[in-house]
Amino acid sequence: MADKKLPSIDIPIQFEFDSAKITFDAYKQVEALANALKNPKLAKTRVSVNGYTDAKGTDQHNHVLSEERAASVQEALINEFGIAPDRLVAVGFGEEGLKAPDDPEGAVNRRVEVVSIGEL
């Protein structure tokens, strides 16, 4: 029997310290993500746009910032690349799920990751 597992999309989009603004380099990643989402094989795929921060700052500040990062990428996908809003869910996780737990304040932790969550 064929594997029915949905394709996963792993395009980390990084941010400057204490910012939800998409940088020029990160914008290229958002564009690559949009192109992947426009692929006919992914036409019905829904994704979660998950925002994260490093461990600097308070938990509350980091949670809000992570939500802003996720929303920033979600808005770019919708407004600049024409991805249907019902295909995207933006979620902020603050400093939970550090990409580099051994470097909790490292830049690699300031990111948005995109995860397939099923089909429409």
PDB file of N, CA and C in Angstrom:
ATOM      1  N   MET A   1       0.847  -1.180   0.000  1.00  0.00           N
ATOM      2  CA  MET A   1       0.000   0.000   0.000  1.00  0.00           C
ATOM      3  C   MET A   1       0.890   1.240   0.000  1.00  0.00           C
ATOM      4  N   ALA A   2       0.517   2.242  -0.752  1.00  0.00           N
ATOM      5  CA  ALA A   2       1.312   3.469  -0.863  1.00  0.00           C
ATOM      6  C   ALA A   2       1.261   4.261   0.439  1.00  0.00           C
ATOM      7  N   ASP A   3       2.357   4.916   0.750  1.00  0.00           N
ATOM      8  CA  ASP A   3       2.438   5.754   1.935  1.00  0.00           C
ATOM      9  C   ASP A   3       1.585   7.002   1.712  1.00  0.00           C
ATOM     10  N   LYS A   4       0.636   7.265   2.598  1.00  0.00           N
ATOM     11  CA  LYS A   4      -0.276   8.400   2.466  1.00  0.00           C
ATOM     12  C   LYS A   4       0.191   9.611   3.272  1.00  0.00           C
ATOM     13  N   LYS A   5       1.411   9.569   3.776  1.00  0.00           N
ATOM     14  CA  LYS A   5       1.926  10.677   4.575  1.00  0.00           C
ATOM     15  C   LYS A   5       2.025  11.945   3.722  1.00  0.00           C
ATOM     16  N   LEU A   6       1.538  13.048   4.281  1.00  0.00           N
ATOM     17  CA  LEU A   6       1.601  14.319   3.572  1.00  0.00           C
ATOM     18  C   LEU A   6       3.035  14.814   3.508  1.00  0.00           C
ATOM     19  N   PRO A   7       3.368  15.537   2.450  1.00  0.00           N
ATOM     20  CA  PRO A   7       4.709  16.106   2.371  1.00  0.00           C
ATOM     21  C   PRO A   7       4.916  17.118   3.491  1.00  0.00           C
ATOM     22  N   SER A   8       6.117  17.177   3.996  1.00  0.00           N
ATOM     23  CA  SER A   8       6.410  18.184   5.014  1.00  0.00           C
ATOM     24  C   SER A   8       7.189  19.321   4.372  1.00  0.00           C
ATOM     25  N   ILE A   9       7.033  20.487   4.947  1.00  0.00           N
ATOM     26  CA  ILE A   9       7.705  21.683   4.449  1.00  0.00           C
ATOM     27  C   ILE A   9       8.569  22.197   5.589  1.00  0.00           C
ATOM     28  N   ASP A  10       9.869  22.193   5.406  1.00  0.00           N
ATOM     29  CA  ASP A  10      10.769  22.640   6.459  1.00  0.00           C
ATOM     30  C   ASP A  10      11.611  23.785   5.922  1.00  0.00           C
ATOM     31  N   ILE A  11      11.102  25.007   6.079  1.00  0.00           N
ATOM     32  CA  ILE A  11      11.817  26.194   5.625  1.00  0.00           C
ATOM     33  C   ILE A  11      11.906  27.145   6.814  1.00  0.00           C
ATOM     34  N   PRO A  12      13.002  27.089   7.568  1.00  0.00           N
ATOM     35  CA  PRO A  12      13.121  28.013   8.698  1.00  0.00           C
ATOM     36  C   PRO A  12      13.350  29.446   8.209  1.00  0.00           C
ATOM     37  N   ILE A  13      12.601  30.372   8.781  1.00  0.00           N
ATOM     38  CA  ILE A  13      12.695  31.786   8.420  1.00  0.00           C
ATOM     39  C   ILE A  13      13.176  32.516   9.669  1.00  0.00           C
ATOM     40  N   GLN A  14      14.377  33.096   9.604  1.00  0.00           N
ATOM     41  CA  GLN A  14      14.965  33.712  10.791  1.00  0.00           C
ATOM     42  C   GLN A  14      14.732  35.215  10.836  1.00  0.00           C
ATOM     43  N   PHE A  15      14.833  35.765  12.069  1.00  0.00           N
ATOM     44  CA  PHE A  15      14.566  37.170  12.336  1.00  0.00           C
ATOM     45  C   PHE A  15      15.708  37.793  13.127  1.00  0.00           C
ATOM     46  N   GLU A  16      15.815  39.112  13.033  1.00  0.00           N
ATOM     47  CA  GLU A  16      16.752  39.864  13.857  1.00  0.00           C
ATOM     48  C   GLU A  16      16.254  39.854  15.304  1.00  0.00           C
ATOM     49  N   PHE A  17      17.137  40.227  16.228  1.00  0.00           N
ATOM     50  CA  PHE A  17      16.787  40.282  17.646  1.00  0.00           C
ATOM     51  C   PHE A  17      15.618  41.233  17.876  1.00  0.00           C
ATOM     52  N   ASP A  18      14.632  40.791  18.623  1.00  0.00           N
ATOM     53  CA  ASP A  18      13.473  41.576  19.062  1.00  0.00           C
ATOM     54  C   ASP A  18      12.692  42.185  17.900  1.00  0.00           C
ATOM     55  N   SER A  19      12.621  41.486  16.772  1.00  0.00           N
ATOM     56  CA  SER A  19      11.946  42.010  15.591  1.00  0.00           C
ATOM     57  C   SER A  19      11.055  40.951  14.960  1.00  0.00           C
ATOM     58  N   ALA A  20       9.928  41.413  14.401  1.00  0.00           N
ATOM     59  CA  ALA A  20       9.046  40.541  13.629  1.00  0.00           C
ATOM     60  C   ALA A  20       9.080  40.927  12.163  1.00  0.00           C
ATOM     61  N   LYS A  21       9.983  41.833  11.799  1.00  0.00           N
ATOM     62  CA  LYS A  21      10.108  42.273  10.414  1.00  0.00           C
ATOM     63  C   LYS A  21      10.860  41.208   9.613  1.00  0.00           C
ATOM     64  N   ILE A  22      10.315  40.875   8.457  1.00  0.00           N
ATOM     65  CA  ILE A  22      10.957  39.885   7.596  1.00  0.00           C
ATOM     66  C   ILE A  22      12.150  40.553   6.916  1.00  0.00           C
ATOM     67  N   THR A  23      13.335  40.002   7.122  1.00  0.00           N
ATOM     68  CA  THR A  23      14.540  40.562   6.515  1.00  0.00           C
ATOM     69  C   THR A  23      14.593  40.187   5.030  1.00  0.00           C
ATOM     70  N   PHE A  24      15.494  40.826   4.298  1.00  0.00           N
ATOM     71  CA  PHE A  24      15.653  40.546   2.873  1.00  0.00           C
ATOM     72  C   PHE A  24      15.955  39.065   2.645  1.00  0.00           C
ATOM     73  N   ASP A  25      16.911  38.517   3.403  1.00  0.00           N
ATOM     74  CA  ASP A  25      17.256  37.095   3.235  1.00  0.00           C
ATOM     75  C   ASP A  25      16.094  36.184   3.618  1.00  0.00           C
ATOM     76  N   ALA A  26      15.392  36.535   4.695  1.00  0.00           N
ATOM     77  CA  ALA A  26      14.252  35.724   5.121  1.00  0.00           C
ATOM     78  C   ALA A  26      13.117  35.809   4.108  1.00  0.00           C
ATOM     79  N   TYR A  27      12.986  36.956   3.455  1.00  0.00           N
ATOM     80  CA  TYR A  27      11.940  37.134   2.448  1.00  0.00           C
ATOM     81  C   TYR A  27      12.114  36.122   1.308  1.00  0.00           C
ATOM     82  N   LYS A  28      13.355  35.831   0.977  1.00  0.00           N
ATOM     83  CA  LYS A  28      13.626  34.818  -0.044  1.00  0.00           C
ATOM     84  C   LYS A  28      13.086  33.455   0.397  1.00  0.00           C
ATOM     85  N   GLN A  29      13.193  33.174   1.692  1.00  0.00           N
ATOM     86  CA  GLN A  29      12.673  31.907   2.225  1.00  0.00           C
ATOM     87  C   GLN A  29      11.146  31.887   2.175  1.00  0.00           C
ATOM     88  N   VAL A  30      10.524  33.036   2.467  1.00  0.00           N
ATOM     89  CA  VAL A  30       9.062  33.120   2.398  1.00  0.00           C
ATOM     90  C   VAL A  30       8.604  32.902   0.954  1.00  0.00           C
ATOM     91  N   GLU A  31       9.337  33.486   0.018  1.00  0.00           N
ATOM     92  CA  GLU A  31       9.009  33.302  -1.395  1.00  0.00           C
ATOM     93  C   GLU A  31       9.147  31.826  -1.798  1.00  0.00           C
ATOM     94  N   ALA A  32      10.193  31.168  -1.321  1.00  0.00           N
ATOM     95  CA  ALA A  32      10.374  29.735  -1.608  1.00  0.00           C
ATOM     96  C   ALA A  32       9.229  28.923  -1.015  1.00  0.00           C
ATOM     97  N   LEU A  33       8.798  29.280   0.178  1.00  0.00           N
ATOM     98  CA  LEU A  33       7.668  28.610   0.805  1.00  0.00           C
ATOM     99  C   LEU A  33       6.399  28.813  -0.024  1.00  0.00           C
ATOM    100  N   ALA A  34       6.154  30.043  -0.449  1.00  0.00           N
ATOM    101  CA  ALA A  34       4.971  30.335  -1.268  1.00  0.00           C
ATOM    102  C   ALA A  34       4.991  29.513  -2.552  1.00  0.00           C
ATOM    103  N   ASN A  35       6.143  29.425  -3.179  1.00  0.00           N
ATOM    104  CA  ASN A  35       6.260  28.631  -4.405  1.00  0.00           C
ATOM    105  C   ASN A  35       5.967  27.161  -4.136  1.00  0.00           C
ATOM    106  N   ALA A  36       6.437  26.649  -3.010  1.00  0.00           N
ATOM    107  CA  ALA A  36       6.147  25.256  -2.651  1.00  0.00           C
ATOM    108  C   ALA A  36       4.652  25.062  -2.427  1.00  0.00           C
ATOM    109  N   LEU A  37       4.019  26.019  -1.743  1.00  0.00           N
ATOM    110  CA  LEU A  37       2.586  25.906  -1.460  1.00  0.00           C
ATOM    111  C   LEU A  37       1.736  26.019  -2.727  1.00  0.00           C
ATOM    112  N   LYS A  38       2.287  26.629  -3.764  1.00  0.00           N
ATOM    113  CA  LYS A  38       1.568  26.752  -5.032  1.00  0.00           C
ATOM    114  C   LYS A  38       1.706  25.501  -5.898  1.00  0.00           C
ATOM    115  N   ASN A  39       2.585  24.591  -5.505  1.00  0.00           N
ATOM    116  CA  ASN A  39       2.750  23.343  -6.245  1.00  0.00           C
ATOM    117  C   ASN A  39       1.427  22.570  -6.213  1.00  0.00           C
ATOM    118  N   PRO A  40       0.969  22.077  -7.356  1.00  0.00           N
ATOM    119  CA  PRO A  40      -0.307  21.345  -7.387  1.00  0.00           C
ATOM    120  C   PRO A  40      -0.384  20.185  -6.391  1.00  0.00           C
ATOM    121  N   LYS A  41       0.736  19.562  -6.091  1.00  0.00           N
ATOM    122  CA  LYS A  41       0.736  18.456  -5.126  1.00  0.00           C
ATOM    123  C   LYS A  41       0.411  18.935  -3.713  1.00  0.00           C
ATOM    124  N   LEU A  42       0.609  20.216  -3.450  1.00  0.00           N
ATOM    125  CA  LEU A  42       0.350  20.774  -2.120  1.00  0.00           C
ATOM    126  C   LEU A  42      -0.865  21.701  -2.106  1.00  0.00           C
ATOM    127  N   ALA A  43      -1.648  21.697  -3.180  1.00  0.00           N
ATOM    128  CA  ALA A  43      -2.745  22.655  -3.337  1.00  0.00           C
ATOM    129  C   ALA A  43      -3.767  22.629  -2.205  1.00  0.00           C
ATOM    130  N   LYS A  44      -3.953  21.496  -1.571  1.00  0.00           N
ATOM    131  CA  LYS A  44      -4.930  21.392  -0.482  1.00  0.00           C
ATOM    132  C   LYS A  44      -4.274  21.308   0.890  1.00  0.00           C
ATOM    133  N   THR A  45      -2.976  21.446   0.943  1.00  0.00           N
ATOM    134  CA  THR A  45      -2.255  21.318   2.197  1.00  0.00           C
ATOM    135  C   THR A  45      -2.438  22.555   3.063  1.00  0.00           C
ATOM    136  N   ARG A  46      -2.734  22.333   4.330  1.00  0.00           N
ATOM    137  CA  ARG A  46      -2.788  23.407   5.319  1.00  0.00           C
ATOM    138  C   ARG A  46      -1.480  23.366   6.101  1.00  0.00           C
ATOM    139  N   VAL A  47      -0.990  24.543   6.490  1.00  0.00           N
ATOM    140  CA  VAL A  47       0.256  24.596   7.250  1.00  0.00           C
ATOM    141  C   VAL A  47       0.091  25.472   8.488  1.00  0.00           C
ATOM    142  N   SER A  48       0.854  25.122   9.491  1.00  0.00           N
ATOM    143  CA  SER A  48       0.966  25.934  10.693  1.00  0.00           C
ATOM    144  C   SER A  48       2.255  26.734  10.585  1.00  0.00           C
ATOM    145  N   VAL A  49       2.139  28.040  10.699  1.00  0.00           N
ATOM    146  CA  VAL A  49       3.288  28.943  10.681  1.00  0.00           C
ATOM    147  C   VAL A  49       3.623  29.188  12.153  1.00  0.00           C
ATOM    148  N   ASN A  50       4.702  28.563  12.637  1.00  0.00           N
ATOM    149  CA  ASN A  50       5.040  28.560  14.054  1.00  0.00           C
ATOM    150  C   ASN A  50       6.168  29.536  14.363  1.00  0.00           C
ATOM    151  N   GLY A  51       5.881  30.534  15.189  1.00  0.00           N
ATOM    152  CA  GLY A  51       6.871  31.535  15.561  1.00  0.00           C
ATOM    153  C   GLY A  51       7.575  31.181  16.857  1.00  0.00           C
ATOM    154  N   TYR A  52       8.880  31.512  16.916  1.00  0.00           N
ATOM    155  CA  TYR A  52       9.711  31.242  18.096  1.00  0.00           C
ATOM    156  C   TYR A  52      10.622  32.434  18.377  1.00  0.00           C
ATOM    157  N   THR A  53      11.134  32.487  19.600  1.00  0.00           N
ATOM    158  CA  THR A  53      12.112  33.500  19.983  1.00  0.00           C
ATOM    159  C   THR A  53      13.304  32.815  20.635  1.00  0.00           C
ATOM    160  N   ASP A  54      14.336  33.620  20.911  1.00  0.00           N
ATOM    161  CA  ASP A  54      15.418  33.119  21.747  1.00  0.00           C
ATOM    162  C   ASP A  54      14.971  33.264  23.205  1.00  0.00           C
ATOM    163  N   ALA A  55      15.856  32.998  24.151  1.00  0.00           N
ATOM    164  CA  ALA A  55      15.486  33.009  25.563  1.00  0.00           C
ATOM    165  C   ALA A  55      15.708  34.359  26.246  1.00  0.00           C
ATOM    166  N   LYS A  56      16.103  35.381  25.501  1.00  0.00           N
ATOM    167  CA  LYS A  56      16.238  36.716  26.084  1.00  0.00           C
ATOM    168  C   LYS A  56      14.848  37.288  26.302  1.00  0.00           C
ATOM    169  N   GLY A  57      14.681  38.084  27.339  1.00  0.00           N
ATOM    170  CA  GLY A  57      13.391  38.737  27.579  1.00  0.00           C
ATOM    171  C   GLY A  57      12.469  37.888  28.427  1.00  0.00           C
ATOM    172  N   THR A  58      11.319  38.492  28.764  1.00  0.00           N
ATOM    173  CA  THR A  58      10.351  37.797  29.608  1.00  0.00           C
ATOM    174  C   THR A  58       9.553  36.802  28.784  1.00  0.00           C
ATOM    175  N   ASP A  59       8.954  35.847  29.465  1.00  0.00           N
ATOM    176  CA  ASP A  59       8.113  34.861  28.782  1.00  0.00           C
ATOM    177  C   ASP A  59       6.979  35.543  28.031  1.00  0.00           C
ATOM    178  N   GLN A  60       6.331  36.529  28.672  1.00  0.00           N
ATOM    179  CA  GLN A  60       5.209  37.218  28.044  1.00  0.00           C
ATOM    180  C   GLN A  60       5.649  37.967  26.784  1.00  0.00           C
ATOM    181  N   HIS A  61       6.750  38.709  26.879  1.00  0.00           N
ATOM    182  CA  HIS A  61       7.256  39.447  25.719  1.00  0.00           C
ATOM    183  C   HIS A  61       7.601  38.483  24.587  1.00  0.00           C
ATOM    184  N   ASN A  62       8.267  37.400  24.912  1.00  0.00           N
ATOM    185  CA  ASN A  62       8.666  36.431  23.891  1.00  0.00           C
ATOM    186  C   ASN A  62       7.470  35.759  23.236  1.00  0.00           C
ATOM    187  N   HIS A  63       6.431  35.503  24.029  1.00  0.00           N
ATOM    188  CA  HIS A  63       5.247  34.880  23.443  1.00  0.00           C
ATOM    189  C   HIS A  63       4.581  35.831  22.439  1.00  0.00           C
ATOM    190  N   VAL A  64       4.437  37.092  22.815  1.00  0.00           N
ATOM    191  CA  VAL A  64       3.839  38.081  21.903  1.00  0.00           C
ATOM    192  C   VAL A  64       4.700  38.242  20.657  1.00  0.00           C
ATOM    193  N   LEU A  65       6.018  38.345  20.826  1.00  0.00           N
ATOM    194  CA  LEU A  65       6.925  38.496  19.693  1.00  0.00           C
ATOM    195  C   LEU A  65       6.841  37.291  18.760  1.00  0.00           C
ATOM    196  N   SER A  66       6.760  36.098  19.315  1.00  0.00           N
ATOM    197  CA  SER A  66       6.662  34.901  18.471  1.00  0.00           C
ATOM    198  C   SER A  66       5.358  34.890  17.680  1.00  0.00           C
ATOM    199  N   GLU A  67       4.265  35.361  18.289  1.00  0.00           N
ATOM    200  CA  GLU A  67       2.996  35.467  17.570  1.00  0.00           C
ATOM    201  C   GLU A  67       3.112  36.484  16.437  1.00  0.00           C
ATOM    202  N   GLU A  68       3.792  37.602  16.698  1.00  0.00           N
ATOM    203  CA  GLU A  68       3.983  38.631  15.677  1.00  0.00           C
ATOM    204  C   GLU A  68       4.819  38.101  14.506  1.00  0.00           C
ATOM    205  N   ARG A  69       5.829  37.302  14.800  1.00  0.00           N
ATOM    206  CA  ARG A  69       6.655  36.712  13.741  1.00  0.00           C
ATOM    207  C   ARG A  69       5.834  35.768  12.871  1.00  0.00           C
ATOM    208  N   ALA A  70       5.055  34.917  13.498  1.00  0.00           N
ATOM    209  CA  ALA A  70       4.213  33.995  12.742  1.00  0.00           C
ATOM    210  C   ALA A  70       3.207  34.768  11.890  1.00  0.00           C
ATOM    211  N   ALA A  71       2.600  35.794  12.467  1.00  0.00           N
ATOM    212  CA  ALA A  71       1.617  36.602  11.738  1.00  0.00           C
ATOM    213  C   ALA A  71       2.267  37.348  10.576  1.00  0.00           C
ATOM    214  N   SER A  72       3.493  37.805  10.759  1.00  0.00           N
ATOM    215  CA  SER A  72       4.213  38.526   9.706  1.00  0.00           C
ATOM    216  C   SER A  72       4.413  37.632   8.481  1.00  0.00           C
ATOM    217  N   VAL A  73       4.808  36.404   8.701  1.00  0.00           N
ATOM    218  CA  VAL A  73       4.998  35.460   7.592  1.00  0.00           C
ATOM    219  C   VAL A  73       3.647  35.090   6.985  1.00  0.00           C
ATOM    220  N   GLN A  74       2.654  34.853   7.818  1.00  0.00           N
ATOM    221  CA  GLN A  74       1.317  34.528   7.326  1.00  0.00           C
ATOM    222  C   GLN A  74       0.794  35.655   6.436  1.00  0.00           C
ATOM    223  N   GLU A  75       0.912  36.898   6.876  1.00  0.00           N
ATOM    224  CA  GLU A  75       0.432  38.042   6.102  1.00  0.00           C
ATOM    225  C   GLU A  75       1.170  38.171   4.768  1.00  0.00           C
ATOM    226  N   ALA A  76       2.478  37.941   4.774  1.00  0.00           N
ATOM    227  CA  ALA A  76       3.238  38.008   3.521  1.00  0.00           C
ATOM    228  C   ALA A  76       2.771  36.930   2.556  1.00  0.00           C
ATOM    229  N   LEU A  77       2.541  35.732   3.040  1.00  0.00           N
ATOM    230  CA  LEU A  77       2.079  34.645   2.176  1.00  0.00           C
ATOM    231  C   LEU A  77       0.720  34.973   1.559  1.00  0.00           C
ATOM    232  N   ILE A  78      -0.148  35.576   2.341  1.00  0.00           N
ATOM    233  CA  ILE A  78      -1.488  35.908   1.855  1.00  0.00           C
ATOM    234  C   ILE A  78      -1.451  37.121   0.933  1.00  0.00           C
ATOM    235  N   ASN A  79      -0.867  38.222   1.422  1.00  0.00           N
ATOM    236  CA  ASN A  79      -0.956  39.508   0.722  1.00  0.00           C
ATOM    237  C   ASN A  79       0.020  39.668  -0.440  1.00  0.00           C
ATOM    238  N   GLU A  80       1.178  39.051  -0.346  1.00  0.00           N
ATOM    239  CA  GLU A  80       2.189  39.240  -1.386  1.00  0.00           C
ATOM    240  C   GLU A  80       2.292  38.067  -2.359  1.00  0.00           C
ATOM    241  N   PHE A  81       1.857  36.891  -1.911  1.00  0.00           N
ATOM    242  CA  PHE A  81       2.015  35.707  -2.758  1.00  0.00           C
ATOM    243  C   PHE A  81       0.700  35.003  -3.077  1.00  0.00           C
ATOM    244  N   GLY A  82      -0.414  35.520  -2.568  1.00  0.00           N
ATOM    245  CA  GLY A  82      -1.720  34.997  -2.942  1.00  0.00           C
ATOM    246  C   GLY A  82      -2.088  33.638  -2.382  1.00  0.00           C
ATOM    247  N   ILE A  83      -1.492  33.246  -1.258  1.00  0.00           N
ATOM    248  CA  ILE A  83      -1.863  31.978  -0.630  1.00  0.00           C
ATOM    249  C   ILE A  83      -3.189  32.188   0.105  1.00  0.00           C
ATOM    250  N   ALA A  84      -4.116  31.272  -0.059  1.00  0.00           N
ATOM    251  CA  ALA A  84      -5.440  31.394   0.566  1.00  0.00           C
ATOM    252  C   ALA A  84      -5.316  31.382   2.090  1.00  0.00           C
ATOM    253  N   PRO A  85      -5.982  32.316   2.755  1.00  0.00           N
ATOM    254  CA  PRO A  85      -5.890  32.406   4.220  1.00  0.00           C
ATOM    255  C   PRO A  85      -6.310  31.128   4.947  1.00  0.00           C
ATOM    256  N   ASP A  86      -7.270  30.379   4.385  1.00  0.00           N
ATOM    257  CA  ASP A  86      -7.734  29.173   5.069  1.00  0.00           C
ATOM    258  C   ASP A  86      -6.716  28.038   5.043  1.00  0.00           C
ATOM    259  N   ARG A  87      -5.605  28.242   4.356  1.00  0.00           N
ATOM    260  CA  ARG A  87      -4.539  27.233   4.316  1.00  0.00           C
ATOM    261  C   ARG A  87      -3.484  27.476   5.389  1.00  0.00           C
ATOM    262  N   LEU A  88      -3.587  28.588   6.118  1.00  0.00           N
ATOM    263  CA  LEU A  88      -2.533  28.996   7.047  1.00  0.00           C
ATOM    264  C   LEU A  88      -3.072  29.226   8.449  1.00  0.00           C
ATOM    265  N   VAL A  89      -2.327  28.741   9.436  1.00  0.00           N
ATOM    266  CA  VAL A  89      -2.618  28.997  10.837  1.00  0.00           C
ATOM    267  C   VAL A  89      -1.329  29.538  11.450  1.00  0.00           C
ATOM    268  N   ALA A  90      -1.408  30.699  12.095  1.00  0.00           N
ATOM    269  CA  ALA A  90      -0.220  31.286  12.730  1.00  0.00           C
ATOM    270  C   ALA A  90      -0.282  31.050  14.238  1.00  0.00           C
ATOM    271  N   VAL A  91       0.836  30.530  14.794  1.00  0.00           N
ATOM    272  CA  VAL A  91       0.906  30.202  16.210  1.00  0.00           C
ATOM    273  C   VAL A  91       2.240  30.676  16.765  1.00  0.00           C
ATOM    274  N   GLY A  92       2.230  31.263  17.955  1.00  0.00           N
ATOM    275  CA  GLY A  92       3.463  31.676  18.621  1.00  0.00           C
ATOM    276  C   GLY A  92       3.785  30.761  19.784  1.00  0.00           C
ATOM    277  N   PHE A  93       5.038  30.362  19.878  1.00  0.00           N
ATOM    278  CA  PHE A  93       5.475  29.461  20.946  1.00  0.00           C
ATOM    279  C   PHE A  93       6.492  30.103  21.886  1.00  0.00           C
ATOM    280  N   GLY A  94       6.800  31.385  21.697  1.00  0.00           N
ATOM    281  CA  GLY A  94       7.779  32.042  22.560  1.00  0.00           C
ATOM    282  C   GLY A  94       9.122  31.358  22.465  1.00  0.00           C
ATOM    283  N   GLU A  95       9.706  31.136  23.628  1.00  0.00           N
ATOM    284  CA  GLU A  95      11.021  30.496  23.661  1.00  0.00           C
ATOM    285  C   GLU A  95      10.933  28.981  23.853  1.00  0.00           C
ATOM    286  N   GLU A  96       9.719  28.430  23.813  1.00  0.00           N
ATOM    287  CA  GLU A  96       9.574  26.971  23.845  1.00  0.00           C
ATOM    288  C   GLU A  96      10.122  26.396  22.549  1.00  0.00           C
ATOM    289  N   GLY A  97      10.727  25.259  22.611  1.00  0.00           N
ATOM    290  CA  GLY A  97      11.204  24.607  21.400  1.00  0.00           C
ATOM    291  C   GLY A  97      12.428  25.270  20.802  1.00  0.00           C
ATOM    292  N   LEU A  98      13.382  25.646  21.659  1.00  0.00           N
ATOM    293  CA  LEU A  98      14.613  26.252  21.150  1.00  0.00           C
ATOM    294  C   LEU A  98      15.271  25.318  20.148  1.00  0.00           C
ATOM    295  N   LYS A  99      15.678  25.861  19.025  1.00  0.00           N
ATOM    296  CA  LYS A  99      16.369  25.060  18.017  1.00  0.00           C
ATOM    297  C   LYS A  99      17.758  24.670  18.507  1.00  0.00           C
ATOM    298  N   ALA A 100      18.370  25.548  19.298  1.00  0.00           N
ATOM    299  CA  ALA A 100      19.697  25.289  19.868  1.00  0.00           C
ATOM    300  C   ALA A 100      19.625  25.459  21.387  1.00  0.00           C
ATOM    301  N   PRO A 101      19.161  24.441  22.101  1.00  0.00           N
ATOM    302  CA  PRO A 101      19.021  24.560  23.552  1.00  0.00           C
ATOM    303  C   PRO A 101      20.342  24.845  24.271  1.00  0.00           C
ATOM    304  N   ASP A 102      21.460  24.446  23.665  1.00  0.00           N
ATOM    305  CA  ASP A 102      22.766  24.713  24.266  1.00  0.00           C
ATOM    306  C   ASP A 102      23.196  26.166  24.064  1.00  0.00           C
ATOM    307  N   ASP A 103      22.470  26.912  23.230  1.00  0.00           N
ATOM    308  CA  ASP A 103      22.722  28.334  22.982  1.00  0.00           C
ATOM    309  C   ASP A 103      21.379  29.068  23.010  1.00  0.00           C
ATOM    310  N   PRO A 104      20.743  29.159  24.201  1.00  0.00           N
ATOM    311  CA  PRO A 104      19.373  29.669  24.279  1.00  0.00           C
ATOM    312  C   PRO A 104      19.194  31.103  23.791  1.00  0.00           C
ATOM    313  N   GLU A 105      20.251  31.889  23.753  1.00  0.00           N
ATOM    314  CA  GLU A 105      20.140  33.269  23.287  1.00  0.00           C
ATOM    315  C   GLU A 105      20.647  33.444  21.858  1.00  0.00           C
ATOM    316  N   GLY A 106      20.954  32.331  21.198  1.00  0.00           N
ATOM    317  CA  GLY A 106      21.487  32.368  19.844  1.00  0.00           C
ATOM    318  C   GLY A 106      20.461  32.771  18.797  1.00  0.00           C
ATOM    319  N   ALA A 107      20.946  33.374  17.728  1.00  0.00           N
ATOM    320  CA  ALA A 107      20.093  33.864  16.647  1.00  0.00           C
ATOM    321  C   ALA A 107      19.298  32.751  15.970  1.00  0.00           C
ATOM    322  N   VAL A 108      19.828  31.536  15.951  1.00  0.00           N
ATOM    323  CA  VAL A 108      19.154  30.422  15.278  1.00  0.00           C
ATOM    324  C   VAL A 108      17.781  30.136  15.900  1.00  0.00           C
ATOM    325  N   ASN A 109      17.586  30.547  17.142  1.00  0.00           N
ATOM    326  CA  ASN A 109      16.320  30.323  17.833  1.00  0.00           C
ATOM    327  C   ASN A 109      15.233  31.319  17.433  1.00  0.00           C
ATOM    328  N   ARG A 110      15.612  32.443  16.839  1.00  0.00           N
ATOM    329  CA  ARG A 110      14.664  33.493  16.421  1.00  0.00           C
ATOM    330  C   ARG A 110      14.179  33.167  15.015  1.00  0.00           C
ATOM    331  N   ARG A 111      13.035  32.471  14.938  1.00  0.00           N
ATOM    332  CA  ARG A 111      12.653  31.908  13.648  1.00  0.00           C
ATOM    333  C   ARG A 111      11.155  31.654  13.559  1.00  0.00           C
ATOM    334  N   VAL A 112      10.744  31.341  12.344  1.00  0.00           N
ATOM    335  CA  VAL A 112       9.427  30.786  12.066  1.00  0.00           C
ATOM    336  C   VAL A 112       9.664  29.490  11.317  1.00  0.00           C
ATOM    337  N   GLU A 113       8.988  28.450  11.740  1.00  0.00           N
ATOM    338  CA  GLU A 113       9.037  27.170  11.034  1.00  0.00           C
ATOM    339  C   GLU A 113       7.636  26.862  10.519  1.00  0.00           C
ATOM    340  N   VAL A 114       7.580  26.147   9.421  1.00  0.00           N
ATOM    341  CA  VAL A 114       6.299  25.826   8.795  1.00  0.00           C
ATOM    342  C   VAL A 114       6.122  24.315   8.796  1.00  0.00           C
ATOM    343  N   VAL A 115       4.952  23.880   9.271  1.00  0.00           N
ATOM    344  CA  VAL A 115       4.689  22.460   9.418  1.00  0.00           C
ATOM    345  C   VAL A 115       3.356  22.114   8.756  1.00  0.00           C
ATOM    346  N   SER A 116       3.351  21.060   7.976  1.00  0.00           N
ATOM    347  CA  SER A 116       2.115  20.579   7.361  1.00  0.00           C
ATOM    348  C   SER A 116       1.184  20.050   8.459  1.00  0.00           C
ATOM    349  N   ILE A 117      -0.094  20.468   8.407  1.00  0.00           N
ATOM    350  CA  ILE A 117      -1.056  20.023   9.420  1.00  0.00           C
ATOM    351  C   ILE A 117      -2.267  19.303   8.817  1.00  0.00           C
ATOM    352  N   GLY A 118      -2.157  18.912   7.563  1.00  0.00           N
ATOM    353  CA  GLY A 118      -3.247  18.176   6.954  1.00  0.00           C
ATOM    354  C   GLY A 118      -3.746  18.832   5.681  1.00  0.00           C
ATOM    355  N   GLU A 119      -4.931  18.426   5.258  1.00  0.00           N
ATOM    356  CA  GLU A 119      -5.518  18.946   4.031  1.00  0.00           C
ATOM    357  C   GLU A 119      -6.817  19.658   4.324  1.00  0.00           C
ATOM    358  N   LEU A 120      -7.193  20.527   3.404  1.00  0.00           N
ATOM    359  CA  LEU A 120      -8.468  21.253   3.502  1.00  0.00           C
ATOM    360  C   LEU A 120      -9.634  20.293   3.421  1.00  0.00           C
TER     361      LEU A 120
END
